[in-house]
Amino acid sequence: MEVLAKFHVIVHKIGRIIIPAGTRKFYGIERGDFVEVKILKYESDKRPKEGTFMARVGEQGSIFIPKPLREVMGIKPGDVIEVLLLSHYKPQK
């Protein structure tokens, strides 16, 4: 699986994370596009927890980690996670 970009983000309320502006500009990612991402949560001396999901890009490059995934991975606001951008798609018109 090829990774387009890798970055670290802080998780905001209700699982909102932001795709960095430079990454969005480089790949032409706009509001309404879909992205496939893999997230990793590192904890000391443990194997990282990971999950993959698709999301629609919102204002300022925001996407939301699904609640069931946040619960399984133990992600809460203020956590720093690693994000791997796997692909992005323009919606069909």
C-alpha atoms as a PDB file:
ATOM      1  CA  MET A   1       0.000   0.000   0.000  1.00  0.00           C
ATOM      2  CA  GLU A   2       1.520   3.300  -1.113  1.00  0.00           C
ATOM      3  CA  VAL A   3       1.320   6.245   1.263  1.00  0.00           C
ATOM      4  CA  LEU A   4       0.794   9.677  -0.298  1.00  0.00           C
ATOM      5  CA  ALA A   5       1.549  11.691   2.849  1.00  0.00           C
ATOM      6  CA  LYS A   6       2.314  11.188   6.529  1.00  0.00           C
ATOM      7  CA  PHE A   7       1.687  13.749   9.265  1.00  0.00           C
ATOM      8  CA  HIS A   8       0.869  14.104  12.950  1.00  0.00           C
ATOM      9  CA  VAL A   9      -2.238  15.895  14.211  1.00  0.00           C
ATOM     10  CA  ILE A  10      -3.979  16.759  17.443  1.00  0.00           C
ATOM     11  CA  VAL A  11      -7.454  15.284  17.812  1.00  0.00           C
ATOM     12  CA  HIS A  12     -10.123  17.930  18.461  1.00  0.00           C
ATOM     13  CA  LYS A  13     -13.666  17.563  19.782  1.00  0.00           C
ATOM     14  CA  ILE A  14     -15.742  14.692  18.400  1.00  0.00           C
ATOM     15  CA  GLY A  15     -12.733  13.236  16.597  1.00  0.00           C
ATOM     16  CA  ARG A  16     -12.047  16.133  14.220  1.00  0.00           C
ATOM     17  CA  ILE A  17      -8.589  16.249  12.671  1.00  0.00           C
ATOM     18  CA  ILE A  18      -7.191  18.621  10.040  1.00  0.00           C
ATOM     19  CA  ILE A  19      -5.291  17.659   6.898  1.00  0.00           C
ATOM     20  CA  PRO A  20      -2.410  20.172   6.672  1.00  0.00           C
ATOM     21  CA  ALA A  21      -2.865  22.973   4.119  1.00  0.00           C
ATOM     22  CA  GLY A  22       0.352  22.089   2.289  1.00  0.00           C
ATOM     23  CA  THR A  23      -0.764  18.487   1.836  1.00  0.00           C
ATOM     24  CA  ARG A  24      -4.191  19.581   0.590  1.00  0.00           C
ATOM     25  CA  LYS A  25      -2.632  22.027  -1.868  1.00  0.00           C
ATOM     26  CA  PHE A  26      -0.061  19.535  -3.175  1.00  0.00           C
ATOM     27  CA  TYR A  27      -2.695  16.865  -3.905  1.00  0.00           C
ATOM     28  CA  GLY A  28      -5.508  19.238  -4.904  1.00  0.00           C
ATOM     29  CA  ILE A  29      -7.731  18.074  -2.043  1.00  0.00           C
ATOM     30  CA  GLU A  30     -10.760  20.327  -1.663  1.00  0.00           C
ATOM     31  CA  ARG A  31     -13.866  20.526   0.485  1.00  0.00           C
ATOM     32  CA  GLY A  32     -16.253  17.739  -0.528  1.00  0.00           C
ATOM     33  CA  ASP A  33     -13.521  15.375  -1.719  1.00  0.00           C
ATOM     34  CA  PHE A  34     -13.123  11.947  -0.120  1.00  0.00           C
ATOM     35  CA  VAL A  35      -9.924  10.702   1.482  1.00  0.00           C
ATOM     36  CA  GLU A  36      -8.838   7.297   2.695  1.00  0.00           C
ATOM     37  CA  VAL A  37      -6.620   7.517   5.755  1.00  0.00           C
ATOM     38  CA  LYS A  38      -4.920   5.185   8.168  1.00  0.00           C
ATOM     39  CA  ILE A  39      -4.424   6.425  11.707  1.00  0.00           C
ATOM     40  CA  LEU A  40      -1.978   5.165  14.307  1.00  0.00           C
ATOM     41  CA  LYS A  41      -2.052   5.838  18.033  1.00  0.00           C
ATOM     42  CA  TYR A  42       1.225   5.202  19.800  1.00  0.00           C
ATOM     43  CA  GLU A  43       1.431   4.308  23.476  1.00  0.00           C
ATOM     44  CA  SER A  44       4.657   3.805  25.378  1.00  0.00           C
ATOM     45  CA  ASP A  45       6.207   0.354  25.028  1.00  0.00           C
ATOM     46  CA  LYS A  46       3.206  -1.025  23.127  1.00  0.00           C
ATOM     47  CA  ARG A  47       2.463  -1.813  19.542  1.00  0.00           C
ATOM     48  CA  PRO A  48       0.535   1.118  17.982  1.00  0.00           C
ATOM     49  CA  LYS A  49      -3.222   0.814  17.554  1.00  0.00           C
ATOM     50  CA  GLU A  50      -4.319   1.435  13.982  1.00  0.00           C
ATOM     51  CA  GLY A  51      -7.418   1.853  11.897  1.00  0.00           C
ATOM     52  CA  THR A  52      -8.366   2.814   8.348  1.00  0.00           C
ATOM     53  CA  PHE A  53     -11.415   4.758   7.179  1.00  0.00           C
ATOM     54  CA  MET A  54     -12.850   6.946   4.420  1.00  0.00           C
ATOM     55  CA  ALA A  55     -14.041  10.476   5.146  1.00  0.00           C
ATOM     56  CA  ARG A  56     -15.412  13.489   3.318  1.00  0.00           C
ATOM     57  CA  VAL A  57     -13.234  16.591   3.616  1.00  0.00           C
ATOM     58  CA  GLY A  58     -14.925  19.546   5.284  1.00  0.00           C
ATOM     59  CA  GLU A  59     -14.041  23.168   5.926  1.00  0.00           C
ATOM     60  CA  GLN A  60     -10.334  23.939   6.332  1.00  0.00           C
ATOM     61  CA  GLY A  61      -9.449  20.321   5.519  1.00  0.00           C
ATOM     62  CA  SER A  62     -11.242  18.786   8.473  1.00  0.00           C
ATOM     63  CA  ILE A  63     -12.227  15.135   8.628  1.00  0.00           C
ATOM     64  CA  PHE A  64     -13.810  13.165  11.459  1.00  0.00           C
ATOM     65  CA  ILE A  65     -12.602   9.881  12.910  1.00  0.00           C
ATOM     66  CA  PRO A  66     -15.679   7.624  13.237  1.00  0.00           C
ATOM     67  CA  LYS A  67     -16.868   7.249  16.841  1.00  0.00           C
ATOM     68  CA  PRO A  68     -16.646   3.413  16.901  1.00  0.00           C
ATOM     69  CA  LEU A  69     -13.011   3.643  15.760  1.00  0.00           C
ATOM     70  CA  ARG A  70     -12.212   6.318  18.373  1.00  0.00           C
ATOM     71  CA  GLU A  71     -13.733   4.103  21.058  1.00  0.00           C
ATOM     72  CA  VAL A  72     -11.831   0.957  20.015  1.00  0.00           C
ATOM     73  CA  MET A  73      -8.538   2.857  19.748  1.00  0.00           C
ATOM     74  CA  GLY A  74      -9.082   4.917  22.917  1.00  0.00           C
ATOM     75  CA  ILE A  75      -8.692   8.231  21.069  1.00  0.00           C
ATOM     76  CA  LYS A  76      -9.787  11.358  22.901  1.00  0.00           C
ATOM     77  CA  PRO A  77      -9.489  15.133  22.325  1.00  0.00           C
ATOM     78  CA  GLY A  78      -5.918  16.329  22.804  1.00  0.00           C
ATOM     79  CA  ASP A  79      -4.303  13.066  21.677  1.00  0.00           C
ATOM     80  CA  VAL A  80      -1.619  13.296  19.003  1.00  0.00           C
ATOM     81  CA  ILE A  81      -1.954  10.657  16.308  1.00  0.00           C
ATOM     82  CA  GLU A  82      -0.089   9.773  13.144  1.00  0.00           C
ATOM     83  CA  VAL A  83      -2.088   9.977   9.907  1.00  0.00           C
ATOM     84  CA  LEU A  84      -1.201   8.276   6.642  1.00  0.00           C
ATOM     85  CA  LEU A  85      -3.015   9.643   3.589  1.00  0.00           C
ATOM     86  CA  LEU A  86      -3.613   6.619   1.378  1.00  0.00           C
ATOM     87  CA  SER A  87      -5.773   8.058  -1.407  1.00  0.00           C
ATOM     88  CA  HIS A  88      -8.203  10.793  -2.321  1.00  0.00           C
ATOM     89  CA  TYR A  89     -11.136  10.954  -4.701  1.00  0.00           C
ATOM     90  CA  LYS A  90     -13.204  13.689  -6.286  1.00  0.00           C
ATOM     91  CA  PRO A  91     -16.964  13.117  -5.895  1.00  0.00           C
ATOM     92  CA  GLN A  92     -18.858  12.091  -9.032  1.00  0.00           C
ATOM     93  CA  LYS A  93     -20.964  14.853 -10.497  1.00  0.00           C
END
